[in-house]
C-alpha atoms as a PDB file:
ATOM      1  CA  GLN A   1     109.912 139.439 124.567  1.00  0.00           C
ATOM      2  CA  VAL A   2     110.232 138.018 121.090  1.00  0.00           C
ATOM      3  CA  GLN A   3     107.920 135.301 119.929  1.00  0.00           C
ATOM      4  CA  LEU A   4     108.701 133.188 116.881  1.00  0.00           C
ATOM      5  CA  VAL A   5     106.038 131.034 115.216  1.00  0.00           C
ATOM      6  CA  GLU A   6     107.025 128.537 112.532  1.00  0.00           C
ATOM      7  CA  SER A   7     104.667 127.038 109.999  1.00  0.00           C
ATOM      8  CA  GLY A   8     104.898 125.164 106.723  1.00  0.00           C
ATOM      9  CA  GLY A   9     106.466 121.885 107.708  1.00  0.00           C
ATOM     10  CA  GLY A  10     104.896 118.615 106.707  1.00  0.00           C
ATOM     11  CA  LEU A  11     105.280 115.266 104.967  1.00  0.00           C
ATOM     12  CA  VAL A  12     106.849 115.150 101.495  1.00  0.00           C
ATOM     13  CA  GLN A  13     108.317 112.515  99.265  1.00  0.00           C
ATOM     14  CA  THR A  14     111.999 112.346  98.369  1.00  0.00           C
ATOM     15  CA  GLY A  15     112.777 115.015  95.827  1.00  0.00           C
ATOM     16  CA  GLY A  16     109.927 117.212  96.882  1.00  0.00           C
ATOM     17  CA  SER A  17     109.847 120.739  98.238  1.00  0.00           C
ATOM     18  CA  LEU A  18     108.677 122.605 101.297  1.00  0.00           C
ATOM     19  CA  ARG A  19     108.829 126.300 102.338  1.00  0.00           C
ATOM     20  CA  PRO A  20     108.580 126.727 106.067  1.00  0.00           C
ATOM     21  CA  SER A  21     108.195 130.267 107.352  1.00  0.00           C
ATOM     22  CA  CYS A  22     108.717 131.974 110.720  1.00  0.00           C
ATOM     23  CA  VAL A  23     106.919 135.081 111.857  1.00  0.00           C
ATOM     24  CA  ALA A  24     108.445 137.175 114.598  1.00  0.00           C
ATOM     25  CA  SER A  25     106.366 139.302 116.954  1.00  0.00           C
ATOM     26  CA  VAL A  26     108.810 142.147 117.423  1.00  0.00           C
ATOM     27  CA  ARG A  27     108.879 145.778 116.367  1.00  0.00           C
ATOM     28  CA  THR A  28     112.525 145.779 115.193  1.00  0.00           C
ATOM     29  CA  PHE A  29     112.762 142.543 113.209  1.00  0.00           C
ATOM     30  CA  ALA A  30     115.439 144.026 110.958  1.00  0.00           C
ATOM     31  CA  ASN A  31     117.766 144.235 113.980  1.00  0.00           C
ATOM     32  CA  TYR A  32     117.872 140.422 114.357  1.00  0.00           C
ATOM     33  CA  ALA A  33     119.965 137.895 112.578  1.00  0.00           C
ATOM     34  CA  MET A  34     117.816 134.876 111.891  1.00  0.00           C
ATOM     35  CA  GLY A  35     118.595 131.195 111.696  1.00  0.00           C
ATOM     36  CA  TRP A  36     117.016 127.913 110.902  1.00  0.00           C
ATOM     37  CA  PHE A  37     118.222 124.917 112.909  1.00  0.00           C
ATOM     38  CA  ARG A  38     117.137 121.257 112.909  1.00  0.00           C
ATOM     39  CA  GLN A  39     117.201 118.482 115.434  1.00  0.00           C
ATOM     40  CA  VAL A  40     116.561 114.747 115.317  1.00  0.00           C
ATOM     41  CA  PRO A  41     116.166 112.594 118.434  1.00  0.00           C
ATOM     42  CA  GLY A  42     119.433 111.818 120.126  1.00  0.00           C
ATOM     43  CA  LYS A  43     121.408 114.491 118.317  1.00  0.00           C
ATOM     44  CA  GLU A  44     122.278 118.083 119.004  1.00  0.00           C
ATOM     45  CA  ARG A  45     120.484 120.916 117.308  1.00  0.00           C
ATOM     46  CA  ALA A  46     122.430 122.003 114.248  1.00  0.00           C
ATOM     47  CA  LEU A  47     122.442 125.008 111.930  1.00  0.00           C
ATOM     48  CA  VAL A  48     120.707 124.652 108.602  1.00  0.00           C
ATOM     49  CA  ALA A  49     120.975 128.220 107.398  1.00  0.00           C
ATOM     50  CA  ALA A  50     121.243 131.737 108.737  1.00  0.00           C
ATOM     51  CA  ILE A  51     120.834 135.280 107.402  1.00  0.00           C
ATOM     52  CA  SER A  52     122.256 138.520 108.708  1.00  0.00           C
ATOM     53  CA  ARG A  53     120.089 141.366 109.803  1.00  0.00           C
ATOM     54  CA  ILE A  54     120.748 144.083 107.232  1.00  0.00           C
ATOM     55  CA  SER A  55     122.994 142.964 104.425  1.00  0.00           C
ATOM     56  CA  ALA A  56     121.185 139.608 104.141  1.00  0.00           C
ATOM     57  CA  ARG A  57     124.381 137.662 103.965  1.00  0.00           C
ATOM     58  CA  THR A  58     123.751 133.967 104.340  1.00  0.00           C
ATOM     59  CA  VAL A  59     125.474 130.824 105.569  1.00  0.00           C
ATOM     60  CA  TYR A  60     124.435 127.241 104.988  1.00  0.00           C
ATOM     61  CA  ALA A  61     125.269 123.818 106.334  1.00  0.00           C
ATOM     62  CA  ASP A  62     127.288 121.898 103.709  1.00  0.00           C
ATOM     63  CA  SER A  63     124.565 119.251 103.579  1.00  0.00           C
ATOM     64  CA  VAL A  64     121.944 121.706 102.272  1.00  0.00           C
ATOM     65  CA  LYS A  65     124.035 123.994 100.034  1.00  0.00           C
ATOM     66  CA  GLY A  66     122.462 124.218  96.589  1.00  0.00           C
ATOM     67  CA  ARG A  67     119.163 122.789  97.799  1.00  0.00           C
ATOM     68  CA  PHE A  68     117.979 125.184 100.508  1.00  0.00           C
ATOM     69  CA  THR A  69     117.610 128.982 100.422  1.00  0.00           C
ATOM     70  CA  ILE A  70     117.030 131.236 103.410  1.00  0.00           C
ATOM     71  CA  SER A  71     115.438 134.621 102.853  1.00  0.00           C
ATOM     72  CA  ARG A  72     113.768 137.356 104.906  1.00  0.00           C
ATOM     73  CA  ASP A  73     111.091 139.932 104.399  1.00  0.00           C
ATOM     74  CA  ASN A  74     111.624 142.638 107.048  1.00  0.00           C
ATOM     75  CA  ALA A  75     108.353 144.299 106.161  1.00  0.00           C
ATOM     76  CA  LYS A  76     106.471 141.139 107.120  1.00  0.00           C
ATOM     77  CA  ASN A  77     108.710 140.180 110.071  1.00  0.00           C
ATOM     78  CA  THR A  78     109.178 136.845 108.372  1.00  0.00           C
ATOM     79  CA  VAL A  79     112.033 134.510 107.510  1.00  0.00           C
ATOM     80  CA  TYR A  80     111.655 131.674 104.999  1.00  0.00           C
ATOM     81  CA  LEU A  81     113.470 128.429 104.252  1.00  0.00           C
ATOM     82  CA  GLU A  82     112.973 127.235 100.693  1.00  0.00           C
ATOM     83  CA  MET A  83     113.810 123.524 100.727  1.00  0.00           C
ATOM     84  CA  ASN A  84     114.116 121.687  97.441  1.00  0.00           C
ATOM     85  CA  SER A  85     115.318 118.202  96.421  1.00  0.00           C
ATOM     86  CA  LEU A  86     114.493 116.959  99.860  1.00  0.00           C
ATOM     87  CA  LYS A  87     116.088 113.744 101.110  1.00  0.00           C
ATOM     88  CA  PRO A  88     115.067 111.365 103.930  1.00  0.00           C
ATOM     89  CA  GLU A  89     118.055 112.587 105.941  1.00  0.00           C
ATOM     90  CA  ASP A  90     116.438 116.092 105.991  1.00  0.00           C
ATOM     91  CA  THR A  91     113.777 114.679 108.286  1.00  0.00           C
ATOM     92  CA  ALA A  92     113.864 116.637 111.564  1.00  0.00           C
ATOM     93  CA  VAL A  93     112.137 119.223 113.664  1.00  0.00           C
ATOM     94  CA  TYR A  94     113.064 122.610 112.199  1.00  0.00           C
ATOM     95  CA  TYR A  95     113.425 125.578 114.542  1.00  0.00           C
ATOM     96  CA  CYS A  96     113.533 129.255 113.789  1.00  0.00           C
ATOM     97  CA  ALA A  97     115.851 131.373 115.993  1.00  0.00           C
ATOM     98  CA  ALA A  98     116.656 135.070 116.448  1.00  0.00           C
ATOM     99  CA  ASP A  99     119.921 136.717 117.473  1.00  0.00           C
ATOM    100  CA  LEU A 100     119.961 140.400 118.501  1.00  0.00           C
ATOM    101  CA  ARG A 101     123.417 140.684 120.034  1.00  0.00           C
ATOM    102  CA  SER A 102     125.771 139.707 117.240  1.00  0.00           C
ATOM    103  CA  GLY A 103     125.197 142.638 114.867  1.00  0.00           C
ATOM    104  CA  GLU A 104     126.068 141.787 111.285  1.00  0.00           C
ATOM    105  CA  TYR A 105     127.987 138.653 112.356  1.00  0.00           C
ATOM    106  CA  ILE A 106     126.175 135.409 111.585  1.00  0.00           C
ATOM    107  CA  SER A 107     126.658 132.742 114.207  1.00  0.00           C
ATOM    108  CA  THR A 108     126.367 129.014 113.520  1.00  0.00           C
ATOM    109  CA  ARG A 109     126.111 128.174 117.233  1.00  0.00           C
ATOM    110  CA  PRO A 110     122.681 127.546 118.709  1.00  0.00           C
ATOM    111  CA  ALA A 111     123.800 128.977 122.061  1.00  0.00           C
ATOM    112  CA  VAL A 112     124.198 132.413 120.537  1.00  0.00           C
ATOM    113  CA  TYR A 113     120.538 132.713 119.536  1.00  0.00           C
ATOM    114  CA  GLU A 114     118.380 134.236 122.252  1.00  0.00           C
ATOM    115  CA  TYR A 115     114.900 133.400 120.964  1.00  0.00           C
ATOM    116  CA  TRP A 116     113.430 130.202 119.561  1.00  0.00           C
ATOM    117  CA  GLY A 117     110.195 129.062 117.962  1.00  0.00           C
ATOM    118  CA  GLN A 118     108.396 125.898 118.954  1.00  0.00           C
ATOM    119  CA  GLY A 119     109.553 123.963 115.888  1.00  0.00           C
ATOM    120  CA  THR A 120     107.884 122.468 112.836  1.00  0.00           C
ATOM    121  CA  GLN A 121     108.209 118.827 111.814  1.00  0.00           C
ATOM    122  CA  VAL A 122     109.548 118.032 108.353  1.00  0.00           C
ATOM    123  CA  THR A 123     109.297 114.431 107.268  1.00  0.00           C
ATOM    124  CA  VAL A 124     110.757 113.202 103.966  1.00  0.00           C
ATOM    125  CA  SER A 125     109.562 109.735 102.923  1.00  0.00           C
ATOM    126  CA  SER A 126     111.713 107.445 100.791  1.00  0.00           C
END
């Protein structure tokens, strides 16, 4: 069983930065593609960014390109989401997710990811 624990959310003003992280309790973290998703009340969970397991290829939602950066440290079983130039519309619960089955393919679909963290709240004030 894989457990994912996010931390590093919080309250920040428009234009500020946050760097949530997600630690995975698994022996073979490098085998998992990792993603960050976000969700606001009344809307479906949506991809923010994802990173492949070995080559560290990345994909981003159009709304965060140039502002957010996903990275991973396989030695620390950790994935990060560097968020800069934050906007009020970035306010959401951010979830970390892990995908073992897709190999080097990076999925943007939440249903593909087998394991999820509990989420961390990010609030951007105007």
